Structure formats: structure tokens, C-alpha cells
């Protein structure tokens, strides 16, 4: 009976550890990174896909994203402990230790970079390394400095589609810069909607991410509206420069108008409900528009 219990405890321990390691990856966020990277890769290859290279590239992207996200959690563990939305993560609850998480993140990054080295090209590898450095060692500490962190964080956040294009073509062309630019500007309403919703929690950790005067007020709502408005002309650039066709331009415009309309509600009532709609709208806008560009190109 004692031996059976001991085996059960060991089994439970390993299950708990695996679950904790999986949580550190933030798989939904890492999958979104892989999705945007895959979008750029297929677009750059004009819809002709070498599936081994494509899947290897996407898998490597998930590992690299997971490694960078784990570093972020290691550096912010003390702040995560005081925020309601993060206090149950593996590091604040001591389900995974700092040294253990550090080894895990290094392993993820090593394998991810190795996959990119084998299946893509040197430029892709170098840009992905730059992305990790910006996200983990520049953006993360800047979150306690001011809203400049959102600008810095938007750079690695917008690199996945550019990385995909570079992985497919071996160069940074104007096409790569266009799809980078769309995702770069998209990050501002996306980030600020989340920061609006998590403002009380963020203040406990000393994070300063809202624009203007850092308050949930009309000035912040106007900033969100302006950056969302920029998506309308940016969404037309792929059609203008032949990256995609007119059908995707129409879809991008419709999505942009609907996304923009949600910001007017926030400007009117400054409510949590309106900020939540913008956040969900941002989650819908990007994949729909990117899929539209892909379908139009293929």
C-alpha cells in the first residue's frame, strides 16, 4: 500500500511538472506568433509550401517564443506574485524554480534557434535573436518605466510575419516591411486595451503602459482610436504594392472600420466593457486580415 502511494505521488509530481512547463510556454500566445510567422512564410512563397521546412520553421518559432516568454516570467516573478491575473503562474506558486525555469528557457531557445539555422537562413536566425533580446531584456524592464515600453514591445511583436517572409525569400523586401508595419500598428490598440482592463493589477506591479497621462480616460481612448485609424490605409498597402489583391483590401477595410467603430464606444463611455470589445476585436482583426491576404495571393 505504501509503495503504491509512493508511485502515485511520483507520477503526480511529473504530471504537475509537465503541466507547469507547458504553462510557461503560454501556448496560445506562442501559437499566435507561429501563425503570423507562417502567414509571412506562405505569402513570401506565393502559396507554394515545402511542408517540412514550413512546419519546422513554425515549430522553431513556438519554441523561441516560449523561451522568450519564460525569460519574461523569470524576470517578473516578484511582480507576478502581487497581480491577481498572474499570481497562479508556475513561478509565483513555486511549482517551478527560477534556476529550473532558466535552464528550460535556454533549452527552448537553443533548440528553436538550431531548427531555424537548419531549415531557414542566417538572416532569419539573426532577426529572431534580436526579437528575443528586445522582448526579454528591453521591453520587459521598460514596463515599469513608461508607455515607451509599448513602442519597444511592438517591434518584436510585429517581427513574426517579417521573419516568415525572410525565411521564405532570404531578404527583407518592401513586402516584408508592409506586413511588419500592419502588425506593428495593430499592437497599440491591442496592448492598450489589455492595459486598460488590467490597469489596477498593473499598478500593483508598477507597470506603466497606458499612453498620454497613463489614465483610463478620454486621452487614452483617443490614442487607441488614432492608432486603430492608421490600420485603414495600412491595410490597403498589400493591394497597392501587389502583395495581395483587391478582395483582401476590401476585407481589410471592412475589418478596419468595424475595429475602429469599437474605439468610439470607449471614447464615449470610458468603460471596461468597451475596452473588452476592443481587445476581442484586436484578436479577430489580425488573423482575419492575414488569412484574407493569403487567400487572395494564393
C-alpha atoms as a PDB file:
ATOM      1  CA  UNK A   1       0.000   0.000   0.000  1.00  0.00           C
ATOM      2  CA  UNK A   2       2.835   2.423   0.873  1.00  0.00           C
ATOM      3  CA  UNK A   3       4.678   1.528  -2.329  1.00  0.00           C
ATOM      4  CA  UNK A   4       1.546   2.201  -4.448  1.00  0.00           C
ATOM      5  CA  UNK A   5       1.085   5.600  -2.809  1.00  0.00           C
ATOM      6  CA  UNK A   6       4.730   6.467  -3.428  1.00  0.00           C
ATOM      7  CA  UNK A   7       4.404   5.583  -7.131  1.00  0.00           C
ATOM      8  CA  UNK A   8       1.229   7.673  -7.379  1.00  0.00           C
ATOM      9  CA  UNK A   9       2.951  10.657  -5.772  1.00  0.00           C
ATOM     10  CA  UNK A  10       5.912  10.431  -8.163  1.00  0.00           C
ATOM     11  CA  UNK A  11       3.550  10.154 -11.103  1.00  0.00           C
ATOM     12  CA  UNK A  12       1.560  13.178  -9.913  1.00  0.00           C
ATOM     13  CA  UNK A  13       4.770  15.150  -9.473  1.00  0.00           C
ATOM     14  CA  UNK A  14       5.872  14.555 -13.066  1.00  0.00           C
ATOM     15  CA  UNK A  15       2.400  15.373 -14.404  1.00  0.00           C
ATOM     16  CA  UNK A  16       2.439  18.605 -12.403  1.00  0.00           C
ATOM     17  CA  UNK A  17       5.888  19.467 -13.724  1.00  0.00           C
ATOM     18  CA  UNK A  18       4.906  18.831 -17.358  1.00  0.00           C
ATOM     19  CA  UNK A  19       1.788  20.922 -16.915  1.00  0.00           C
ATOM     20  CA  UNK A  20       3.842  23.733 -15.375  1.00  0.00           C
ATOM     21  CA  UNK A  21       6.385  23.663 -18.206  1.00  0.00           C
ATOM     22  CA  UNK A  22       3.520  23.811 -20.692  1.00  0.00           C
ATOM     23  CA  UNK A  23       2.028  26.795 -18.844  1.00  0.00           C
ATOM     24  CA  UNK A  24       5.344  28.643 -19.058  1.00  0.00           C
ATOM     25  CA  UNK A  25       5.116  28.482 -22.851  1.00  0.00           C
ATOM     26  CA  UNK A  26       1.844  30.461 -22.868  1.00  0.00           C
ATOM     27  CA  UNK A  27       0.895  28.263 -25.779  1.00  0.00           C
ATOM     28  CA  UNK A  28      -1.896  30.494 -27.114  1.00  0.00           C
ATOM     29  CA  UNK A  29       0.476  33.442 -27.421  1.00  0.00           C
ATOM     30  CA  UNK A  30       3.224  31.248 -28.865  1.00  0.00           C
ATOM     31  CA  UNK A  31       0.743  29.787 -31.355  1.00  0.00           C
ATOM     32  CA  UNK A  32      -0.259  33.298 -32.468  1.00  0.00           C
ATOM     33  CA  UNK A  33       3.434  34.042 -33.058  1.00  0.00           C
ATOM     34  CA  UNK A  34       3.736  30.852 -35.122  1.00  0.00           C
ATOM     35  CA  UNK A  35       0.544  31.713 -37.037  1.00  0.00           C
ATOM     36  CA  UNK A  36       1.826  35.181 -38.013  1.00  0.00           C
ATOM     37  CA  UNK A  37       5.206  33.701 -38.922  1.00  0.00           C
ATOM     38  CA  UNK A  38       3.537  31.050 -41.063  1.00  0.00           C
ATOM     39  CA  UNK A  39       1.441  33.739 -42.751  1.00  0.00           C
ATOM     40  CA  UNK A  40       4.592  35.625 -43.791  1.00  0.00           C
ATOM     41  CA  UNK A  41       6.276  32.401 -44.927  1.00  0.00           C
ATOM     42  CA  UNK A  42       3.415  31.293 -47.180  1.00  0.00           C
ATOM     43  CA  UNK A  43       2.920  34.817 -48.532  1.00  0.00           C
ATOM     44  CA  UNK A  44       6.622  35.023 -49.366  1.00  0.00           C
ATOM     45  CA  UNK A  45       6.485  31.660 -51.153  1.00  0.00           C
ATOM     46  CA  UNK A  46       3.375  32.690 -53.143  1.00  0.00           C
ATOM     47  CA  UNK A  47       1.439  29.801 -51.658  1.00  0.00           C
ATOM     48  CA  UNK A  48       3.964  27.128 -52.709  1.00  0.00           C
ATOM     49  CA  UNK A  49       4.957  25.378 -49.494  1.00  0.00           C
ATOM     50  CA  UNK A  50       7.743  22.964 -48.620  1.00  0.00           C
ATOM     51  CA  UNK A  51       5.854  21.432 -45.710  1.00  0.00           C
ATOM     52  CA  UNK A  52       8.906  20.094 -43.874  1.00  0.00           C
ATOM     53  CA  UNK A  53      10.590  23.496 -43.880  1.00  0.00           C
ATOM     54  CA  UNK A  54       7.317  25.280 -43.113  1.00  0.00           C
ATOM     55  CA  UNK A  55       6.366  23.099 -40.132  1.00  0.00           C
ATOM     56  CA  UNK A  56       9.947  23.114 -38.826  1.00  0.00           C
ATOM     57  CA  UNK A  57      10.020  26.917 -39.058  1.00  0.00           C
ATOM     58  CA  UNK A  58       6.692  27.247 -37.215  1.00  0.00           C
ATOM     59  CA  UNK A  59       7.739  24.753 -34.527  1.00  0.00           C
ATOM     60  CA  UNK A  60      11.036  26.564 -34.051  1.00  0.00           C
ATOM     61  CA  UNK A  61       9.069  29.808 -33.727  1.00  0.00           C
ATOM     62  CA  UNK A  62       6.891  28.322 -30.980  1.00  0.00           C
ATOM     63  CA  UNK A  63       9.980  27.193 -29.045  1.00  0.00           C
ATOM     64  CA  UNK A  64      11.726  30.564 -29.405  1.00  0.00           C
ATOM     65  CA  UNK A  65       8.579  32.427 -28.413  1.00  0.00           C
ATOM     66  CA  UNK A  66       8.144  30.114 -25.419  1.00  0.00           C
ATOM     67  CA  UNK A  67      11.763  30.651 -24.389  1.00  0.00           C
ATOM     68  CA  UNK A  68      11.423  34.445 -24.536  1.00  0.00           C
ATOM     69  CA  UNK A  69       8.124  34.349 -22.648  1.00  0.00           C
ATOM     70  CA  UNK A  70       9.706  32.151 -19.956  1.00  0.00           C
ATOM     71  CA  UNK A  71      12.561  34.652 -19.539  1.00  0.00           C
ATOM     72  CA  UNK A  72       9.932  37.365 -19.161  1.00  0.00           C
ATOM     73  CA  UNK A  73       8.251  35.383 -16.365  1.00  0.00           C
ATOM     74  CA  UNK A  74      11.585  34.766 -14.620  1.00  0.00           C
ATOM     75  CA  UNK A  75      12.405  38.483 -14.619  1.00  0.00           C
ATOM     76  CA  UNK A  76       8.910  39.454 -13.446  1.00  0.00           C
ATOM     77  CA  UNK A  77       8.215  36.720 -10.888  1.00  0.00           C
ATOM     78  CA  UNK A  78       8.167  39.155  -7.957  1.00  0.00           C
ATOM     79  CA  UNK A  79       5.689  41.396  -9.773  1.00  0.00           C
ATOM     80  CA  UNK A  80       3.558  38.448 -10.886  1.00  0.00           C
ATOM     81  CA  UNK A  81       3.107  37.470  -7.236  1.00  0.00           C
ATOM     82  CA  UNK A  82       1.221  40.703  -6.478  1.00  0.00           C
ATOM     83  CA  UNK A  83      -1.077  40.672  -9.513  1.00  0.00           C
ATOM     84  CA  UNK A  84      -4.291  38.697  -9.429  1.00  0.00           C
ATOM     85  CA  UNK A  85      -4.079  37.759 -13.114  1.00  0.00           C
ATOM     86  CA  UNK A  86      -0.580  36.253 -12.763  1.00  0.00           C
ATOM     87  CA  UNK A  87      -0.180  35.043  -9.161  1.00  0.00           C
ATOM     88  CA  UNK A  88      -1.151  31.467 -10.097  1.00  0.00           C
ATOM     89  CA  UNK A  89       1.571  31.056 -12.717  1.00  0.00           C
ATOM     90  CA  UNK A  90       4.216  28.334 -12.189  1.00  0.00           C
ATOM     91  CA  UNK A  91       6.972  30.636 -10.900  1.00  0.00           C
ATOM     92  CA  UNK A  92       4.961  32.706  -8.366  1.00  0.00           C
ATOM     93  CA  UNK A  93       3.480  29.485  -6.943  1.00  0.00           C
ATOM     94  CA  UNK A  94       6.959  27.862  -6.775  1.00  0.00           C
ATOM     95  CA  UNK A  95       5.837  24.945  -8.937  1.00  0.00           C
ATOM     96  CA  UNK A  96       8.923  25.772 -10.990  1.00  0.00           C
ATOM     97  CA  UNK A  97      12.043  27.404  -9.552  1.00  0.00           C
ATOM     98  CA  UNK A  98      13.988  30.259 -11.153  1.00  0.00           C
ATOM     99  CA  UNK A  99      17.059  28.143 -11.945  1.00  0.00           C
ATOM    100  CA  UNK A 100      14.872  25.372 -13.333  1.00  0.00           C
ATOM    101  CA  UNK A 101      12.963  27.883 -15.494  1.00  0.00           C
ATOM    102  CA  UNK A 102      16.235  29.447 -16.672  1.00  0.00           C
ATOM    103  CA  UNK A 103      17.559  26.063 -17.837  1.00  0.00           C
ATOM    104  CA  UNK A 104      14.202  25.398 -19.512  1.00  0.00           C
ATOM    105  CA  UNK A 105      14.235  28.733 -21.370  1.00  0.00           C
ATOM    106  CA  UNK A 106      17.833  28.209 -22.547  1.00  0.00           C
ATOM    107  CA  UNK A 107      16.924  24.728 -23.829  1.00  0.00           C
ATOM    108  CA  UNK A 108      13.871  26.083 -25.675  1.00  0.00           C
ATOM    109  CA  UNK A 109      15.884  28.867 -27.296  1.00  0.00           C
ATOM    110  CA  UNK A 110      18.793  26.579 -28.208  1.00  0.00           C
ATOM    111  CA  UNK A 111      16.540  24.032 -29.926  1.00  0.00           C
ATOM    112  CA  UNK A 112      14.437  26.749 -31.571  1.00  0.00           C
ATOM    113  CA  UNK A 113      17.449  28.635 -32.934  1.00  0.00           C
ATOM    114  CA  UNK A 114      19.007  25.351 -34.104  1.00  0.00           C
ATOM    115  CA  UNK A 115      15.855  24.495 -36.060  1.00  0.00           C
ATOM    116  CA  UNK A 116      15.865  27.908 -37.730  1.00  0.00           C
ATOM    117  CA  UNK A 117      19.586  27.564 -38.523  1.00  0.00           C
ATOM    118  CA  UNK A 118      18.985  24.230 -40.257  1.00  0.00           C
ATOM    119  CA  UNK A 119      15.711  24.963 -42.043  1.00  0.00           C
ATOM    120  CA  UNK A 120      15.854  28.691 -42.863  1.00  0.00           C
ATOM    121  CA  UNK A 121      18.742  31.127 -43.341  1.00  0.00           C
ATOM    122  CA  UNK A 122      21.195  33.218 -41.339  1.00  0.00           C
ATOM    123  CA  UNK A 123      19.167  36.453 -41.640  1.00  0.00           C
ATOM    124  CA  UNK A 124      16.085  34.770 -40.168  1.00  0.00           C
ATOM    125  CA  UNK A 125      18.160  33.422 -37.294  1.00  0.00           C
ATOM    126  CA  UNK A 126      19.716  36.816 -36.536  1.00  0.00           C
ATOM    127  CA  UNK A 127      16.366  38.651 -36.602  1.00  0.00           C
ATOM    128  CA  UNK A 128      14.800  36.048 -34.312  1.00  0.00           C
ATOM    129  CA  UNK A 129      17.698  36.521 -31.861  1.00  0.00           C
ATOM    130  CA  UNK A 130      17.185  40.293 -31.996  1.00  0.00           C
ATOM    131  CA  UNK A 131      13.487  39.761 -31.299  1.00  0.00           C
ATOM    132  CA  UNK A 132      14.253  37.759 -28.133  1.00  0.00           C
ATOM    133  CA  UNK A 133      16.719  40.385 -26.911  1.00  0.00           C
ATOM    134  CA  UNK A 134      14.230  43.227 -27.457  1.00  0.00           C
ATOM    135  CA  UNK A 135      11.326  41.394 -25.845  1.00  0.00           C
ATOM    136  CA  UNK A 136      13.066  39.853 -22.847  1.00  0.00           C
ATOM    137  CA  UNK A 137      15.786  42.360 -21.999  1.00  0.00           C
ATOM    138  CA  UNK A 138      14.489  45.736 -23.231  1.00  0.00           C
ATOM    139  CA  UNK A 139      10.684  45.654 -23.306  1.00  0.00           C
ATOM    140  CA  UNK A 140      10.310  43.741 -20.027  1.00  0.00           C
ATOM    141  CA  UNK A 141      12.229  46.193 -17.765  1.00  0.00           C
ATOM    142  CA  UNK A 142      10.735  49.204 -19.592  1.00  0.00           C
ATOM    143  CA  UNK A 143       7.224  48.211 -18.471  1.00  0.00           C
ATOM    144  CA  UNK A 144       7.963  49.885 -15.129  1.00  0.00           C
ATOM    145  CA  UNK A 145       9.403  52.991 -16.811  1.00  0.00           C
ATOM    146  CA  UNK A 146       6.548  54.208 -19.004  1.00  0.00           C
ATOM    147  CA  UNK A 147       4.456  53.723 -22.167  1.00  0.00           C
ATOM    148  CA  UNK A 148       7.649  53.727 -24.270  1.00  0.00           C
ATOM    149  CA  UNK A 149       7.612  50.001 -23.390  1.00  0.00           C
ATOM    150  CA  UNK A 150       4.610  49.511 -25.684  1.00  0.00           C
ATOM    151  CA  UNK A 151       6.512  51.018 -28.620  1.00  0.00           C
ATOM    152  CA  UNK A 152       9.565  48.824 -27.930  1.00  0.00           C
ATOM    153  CA  UNK A 153       7.411  45.724 -27.335  1.00  0.00           C
ATOM    154  CA  UNK A 154       5.560  46.313 -30.599  1.00  0.00           C
ATOM    155  CA  UNK A 155       8.795  45.733 -32.543  1.00  0.00           C
ATOM    156  CA  UNK A 156       9.381  42.063 -31.566  1.00  0.00           C
ATOM    157  CA  UNK A 157       5.606  41.634 -31.558  1.00  0.00           C
ATOM    158  CA  UNK A 158       5.462  42.648 -35.226  1.00  0.00           C
ATOM    159  CA  UNK A 159       8.524  40.694 -36.374  1.00  0.00           C
ATOM    160  CA  UNK A 160       6.876  37.234 -36.870  1.00  0.00           C
ATOM    161  CA  UNK A 161       5.344  37.954 -40.330  1.00  0.00           C
ATOM    162  CA  UNK A 162       8.578  39.648 -41.419  1.00  0.00           C
ATOM    163  CA  UNK A 163      10.527  36.628 -40.154  1.00  0.00           C
ATOM    164  CA  UNK A 164       8.269  34.363 -42.183  1.00  0.00           C
ATOM    165  CA  UNK A 165       8.885  36.393 -45.328  1.00  0.00           C
ATOM    166  CA  UNK A 166      12.652  36.410 -44.728  1.00  0.00           C
ATOM    167  CA  UNK A 167      12.632  32.653 -44.041  1.00  0.00           C
ATOM    168  CA  UNK A 168      10.930  32.120 -47.418  1.00  0.00           C
ATOM    169  CA  UNK A 169      12.870  34.641 -49.520  1.00  0.00           C
ATOM    170  CA  UNK A 170      16.141  35.261 -47.699  1.00  0.00           C
ATOM    171  CA  UNK A 171      15.745  39.039 -47.816  1.00  0.00           C
ATOM    172  CA  UNK A 172      13.852  41.975 -46.308  1.00  0.00           C
ATOM    173  CA  UNK A 173      11.848  43.495 -49.155  1.00  0.00           C
ATOM    174  CA  UNK A 174       9.191  46.213 -49.092  1.00  0.00           C
ATOM    175  CA  UNK A 175       6.603  43.436 -48.861  1.00  0.00           C
ATOM    176  CA  UNK A 176       8.084  42.281 -45.559  1.00  0.00           C
ATOM    177  CA  UNK A 177       8.082  45.849 -44.248  1.00  0.00           C
ATOM    178  CA  UNK A 178       4.402  46.292 -45.191  1.00  0.00           C
ATOM    179  CA  UNK A 179       3.217  43.209 -43.294  1.00  0.00           C
ATOM    180  CA  UNK A 180       5.518  44.176 -40.417  1.00  0.00           C
ATOM    181  CA  UNK A 181       4.007  47.674 -40.384  1.00  0.00           C
ATOM    182  CA  UNK A 182       0.415  46.424 -40.201  1.00  0.00           C
ATOM    183  CA  UNK A 183       1.161  44.169 -37.242  1.00  0.00           C
ATOM    184  CA  UNK A 184       3.286  46.882 -35.599  1.00  0.00           C
ATOM    185  CA  UNK A 185       0.453  49.443 -35.581  1.00  0.00           C
ATOM    186  CA  UNK A 186      -2.119  46.785 -34.610  1.00  0.00           C
ATOM    187  CA  UNK A 187      -0.192  46.197 -31.383  1.00  0.00           C
ATOM    188  CA  UNK A 188      -1.010  49.623 -29.935  1.00  0.00           C
ATOM    189  CA  UNK A 189      -4.807  49.300 -29.637  1.00  0.00           C
ATOM    190  CA  UNK A 190      -4.277  45.643 -28.705  1.00  0.00           C
ATOM    191  CA  UNK A 191      -1.771  46.414 -25.909  1.00  0.00           C
ATOM    192  CA  UNK A 192      -3.647  49.443 -24.621  1.00  0.00           C
ATOM    193  CA  UNK A 193      -6.985  47.649 -24.462  1.00  0.00           C
ATOM    194  CA  UNK A 194      -5.347  44.946 -22.319  1.00  0.00           C
ATOM    195  CA  UNK A 195      -3.577  47.592 -20.211  1.00  0.00           C
ATOM    196  CA  UNK A 196      -6.931  49.374 -19.696  1.00  0.00           C
ATOM    197  CA  UNK A 197      -8.525  46.140 -18.459  1.00  0.00           C
ATOM    198  CA  UNK A 198      -5.559  45.196 -16.244  1.00  0.00           C
ATOM    199  CA  UNK A 199      -4.760  48.730 -15.054  1.00  0.00           C
ATOM    200  CA  UNK A 200      -5.392  48.091 -11.345  1.00  0.00           C
ATOM    201  CA  UNK A 201      -3.288  44.936 -11.394  1.00  0.00           C
ATOM    202  CA  UNK A 202      -0.530  46.632 -13.389  1.00  0.00           C
ATOM    203  CA  UNK A 203      -0.363  49.488 -10.890  1.00  0.00           C
ATOM    204  CA  UNK A 204       0.324  46.979  -8.092  1.00  0.00           C
ATOM    205  CA  UNK A 205       3.408  45.847 -10.023  1.00  0.00           C
ATOM    206  CA  UNK A 206       4.406  49.375 -11.031  1.00  0.00           C
ATOM    207  CA  UNK A 207       3.748  48.774 -14.744  1.00  0.00           C
ATOM    208  CA  UNK A 208       3.079  51.960 -16.731  1.00  0.00           C
ATOM    209  CA  UNK A 209       1.697  51.005 -20.137  1.00  0.00           C
ATOM    210  CA  UNK A 210      -1.229  53.326 -20.837  1.00  0.00           C
ATOM    211  CA  UNK A 211      -0.421  56.299 -23.111  1.00  0.00           C
ATOM    212  CA  UNK A 212      -0.800  60.050 -22.524  1.00  0.00           C
ATOM    213  CA  UNK A 213      -1.206  60.634 -18.770  1.00  0.00           C
ATOM    214  CA  UNK A 214      -1.445  56.915 -18.011  1.00  0.00           C
ATOM    215  CA  UNK A 215      -5.101  57.042 -17.041  1.00  0.00           C
ATOM    216  CA  UNK A 216      -8.224  55.298 -18.300  1.00  0.00           C
ATOM    217  CA  UNK A 217      -9.729  58.459 -19.730  1.00  0.00           C
ATOM    218  CA  UNK A 218     -10.606  60.268 -22.973  1.00  0.00           C
ATOM    219  CA  UNK A 219      -6.955  60.998 -23.863  1.00  0.00           C
ATOM    220  CA  UNK A 220      -6.064  57.317 -23.732  1.00  0.00           C
ATOM    221  CA  UNK A 221      -9.222  56.406 -25.685  1.00  0.00           C
ATOM    222  CA  UNK A 222      -8.292  58.954 -28.388  1.00  0.00           C
ATOM    223  CA  UNK A 223      -4.802  57.437 -28.667  1.00  0.00           C
ATOM    224  CA  UNK A 224      -6.345  53.996 -29.146  1.00  0.00           C
ATOM    225  CA  UNK A 225      -8.695  55.397 -31.806  1.00  0.00           C
ATOM    226  CA  UNK A 226      -5.881  57.138 -33.734  1.00  0.00           C
ATOM    227  CA  UNK A 227      -3.689  54.044 -33.957  1.00  0.00           C
ATOM    228  CA  UNK A 228      -6.679  51.935 -34.987  1.00  0.00           C
ATOM    229  CA  UNK A 229      -7.460  54.506 -37.661  1.00  0.00           C
ATOM    230  CA  UNK A 230      -3.955  54.058 -39.110  1.00  0.00           C
ATOM    231  CA  UNK A 231      -4.848  50.436 -39.887  1.00  0.00           C
ATOM    232  CA  UNK A 232      -7.264  51.578 -42.625  1.00  0.00           C
ATOM    233  CA  UNK A 233      -4.639  52.972 -45.046  1.00  0.00           C
ATOM    234  CA  UNK A 234      -2.058  50.384 -43.976  1.00  0.00           C
ATOM    235  CA  UNK A 235      -4.493  47.577 -44.791  1.00  0.00           C
ATOM    236  CA  UNK A 236      -4.623  48.786 -48.398  1.00  0.00           C
ATOM    237  CA  UNK A 237      -0.851  48.727 -48.946  1.00  0.00           C
ATOM    238  CA  UNK A 238      -0.595  44.987 -49.793  1.00  0.00           C
ATOM    239  CA  UNK A 239      -3.047  45.541 -52.696  1.00  0.00           C
ATOM    240  CA  UNK A 240      -1.317  48.779 -53.750  1.00  0.00           C
ATOM    241  CA  UNK A 241       2.099  47.108 -53.984  1.00  0.00           C
ATOM    242  CA  UNK A 242       0.935  43.772 -55.398  1.00  0.00           C
ATOM    243  CA  UNK A 243       1.485  41.717 -52.257  1.00  0.00           C
ATOM    244  CA  UNK A 244      -2.207  40.750 -52.351  1.00  0.00           C
ATOM    245  CA  UNK A 245      -5.290  41.646 -54.401  1.00  0.00           C
ATOM    246  CA  UNK A 246      -8.327  43.908 -54.242  1.00  0.00           C
ATOM    247  CA  UNK A 247     -10.555  41.357 -52.473  1.00  0.00           C
ATOM    248  CA  UNK A 248      -8.312  41.293 -49.414  1.00  0.00           C
ATOM    249  CA  UNK A 249      -8.159  45.107 -49.492  1.00  0.00           C
ATOM    250  CA  UNK A 250     -11.949  45.203 -49.219  1.00  0.00           C
ATOM    251  CA  UNK A 251     -11.934  42.699 -46.326  1.00  0.00           C
ATOM    252  CA  UNK A 252      -9.144  44.604 -44.564  1.00  0.00           C
ATOM    253  CA  UNK A 253     -11.113  47.846 -44.923  1.00  0.00           C
ATOM    254  CA  UNK A 254     -14.320  46.307 -43.566  1.00  0.00           C
ATOM    255  CA  UNK A 255     -12.439  44.766 -40.617  1.00  0.00           C
ATOM    256  CA  UNK A 256     -10.632  48.054 -40.017  1.00  0.00           C
ATOM    257  CA  UNK A 257     -13.881  50.050 -39.980  1.00  0.00           C
ATOM    258  CA  UNK A 258     -15.512  47.578 -37.577  1.00  0.00           C
ATOM    259  CA  UNK A 259     -12.419  47.622 -35.342  1.00  0.00           C
ATOM    260  CA  UNK A 260     -12.365  51.425 -35.425  1.00  0.00           C
ATOM    261  CA  UNK A 261     -16.055  51.662 -34.535  1.00  0.00           C
ATOM    262  CA  UNK A 262     -15.338  49.879 -31.244  1.00  0.00           C
ATOM    263  CA  UNK A 263     -12.979  52.682 -30.212  1.00  0.00           C
ATOM    264  CA  UNK A 264     -15.766  55.279 -30.470  1.00  0.00           C
ATOM    265  CA  UNK A 265     -17.662  53.400 -27.778  1.00  0.00           C
ATOM    266  CA  UNK A 266     -14.621  53.635 -25.487  1.00  0.00           C
ATOM    267  CA  UNK A 267     -14.311  57.366 -26.209  1.00  0.00           C
ATOM    268  CA  UNK A 268     -17.968  57.811 -25.319  1.00  0.00           C
ATOM    269  CA  UNK A 269     -18.155  55.928 -22.012  1.00  0.00           C
ATOM    270  CA  UNK A 270     -14.545  55.037 -20.941  1.00  0.00           C
ATOM    271  CA  UNK A 271     -15.913  51.718 -19.715  1.00  0.00           C
ATOM    272  CA  UNK A 272     -14.315  48.351 -19.094  1.00  0.00           C
ATOM    273  CA  UNK A 273     -16.933  46.762 -21.362  1.00  0.00           C
ATOM    274  CA  UNK A 274     -15.849  48.928 -24.307  1.00  0.00           C
ATOM    275  CA  UNK A 275     -12.148  48.164 -23.674  1.00  0.00           C
ATOM    276  CA  UNK A 276     -13.008  44.455 -23.614  1.00  0.00           C
ATOM    277  CA  UNK A 277     -14.686  44.774 -27.019  1.00  0.00           C
ATOM    278  CA  UNK A 278     -11.543  46.413 -28.426  1.00  0.00           C
ATOM    279  CA  UNK A 279      -9.382  43.614 -27.042  1.00  0.00           C
ATOM    280  CA  UNK A 280     -11.591  40.929 -28.611  1.00  0.00           C
ATOM    281  CA  UNK A 281     -11.763  42.996 -31.793  1.00  0.00           C
ATOM    282  CA  UNK A 282      -7.967  43.027 -31.974  1.00  0.00           C
ATOM    283  CA  UNK A 283      -7.875  39.239 -31.601  1.00  0.00           C
ATOM    284  CA  UNK A 284     -10.247  38.919 -34.567  1.00  0.00           C
ATOM    285  CA  UNK A 285      -8.840  41.634 -36.823  1.00  0.00           C
ATOM    286  CA  UNK A 286      -5.302  40.335 -37.339  1.00  0.00           C
ATOM    287  CA  UNK A 287      -5.927  36.652 -38.236  1.00  0.00           C
ATOM    288  CA  UNK A 288      -8.919  37.501 -40.447  1.00  0.00           C
ATOM    289  CA  UNK A 289      -6.956  40.113 -42.414  1.00  0.00           C
ATOM    290  CA  UNK A 290      -3.873  37.905 -42.690  1.00  0.00           C
ATOM    291  CA  UNK A 291      -5.930  34.951 -43.919  1.00  0.00           C
ATOM    292  CA  UNK A 292      -7.608  37.276 -46.446  1.00  0.00           C
ATOM    293  CA  UNK A 293      -4.199  38.321 -47.806  1.00  0.00           C
ATOM    294  CA  UNK A 294      -3.143  34.678 -48.070  1.00  0.00           C
ATOM    295  CA  UNK A 295      -6.297  33.514 -49.860  1.00  0.00           C
ATOM    296  CA  UNK A 296      -6.108  36.486 -52.222  1.00  0.00           C
ATOM    297  CA  UNK A 297      -2.451  35.792 -53.029  1.00  0.00           C
ATOM    298  CA  UNK A 298      -2.849  32.057 -53.497  1.00  0.00           C
END
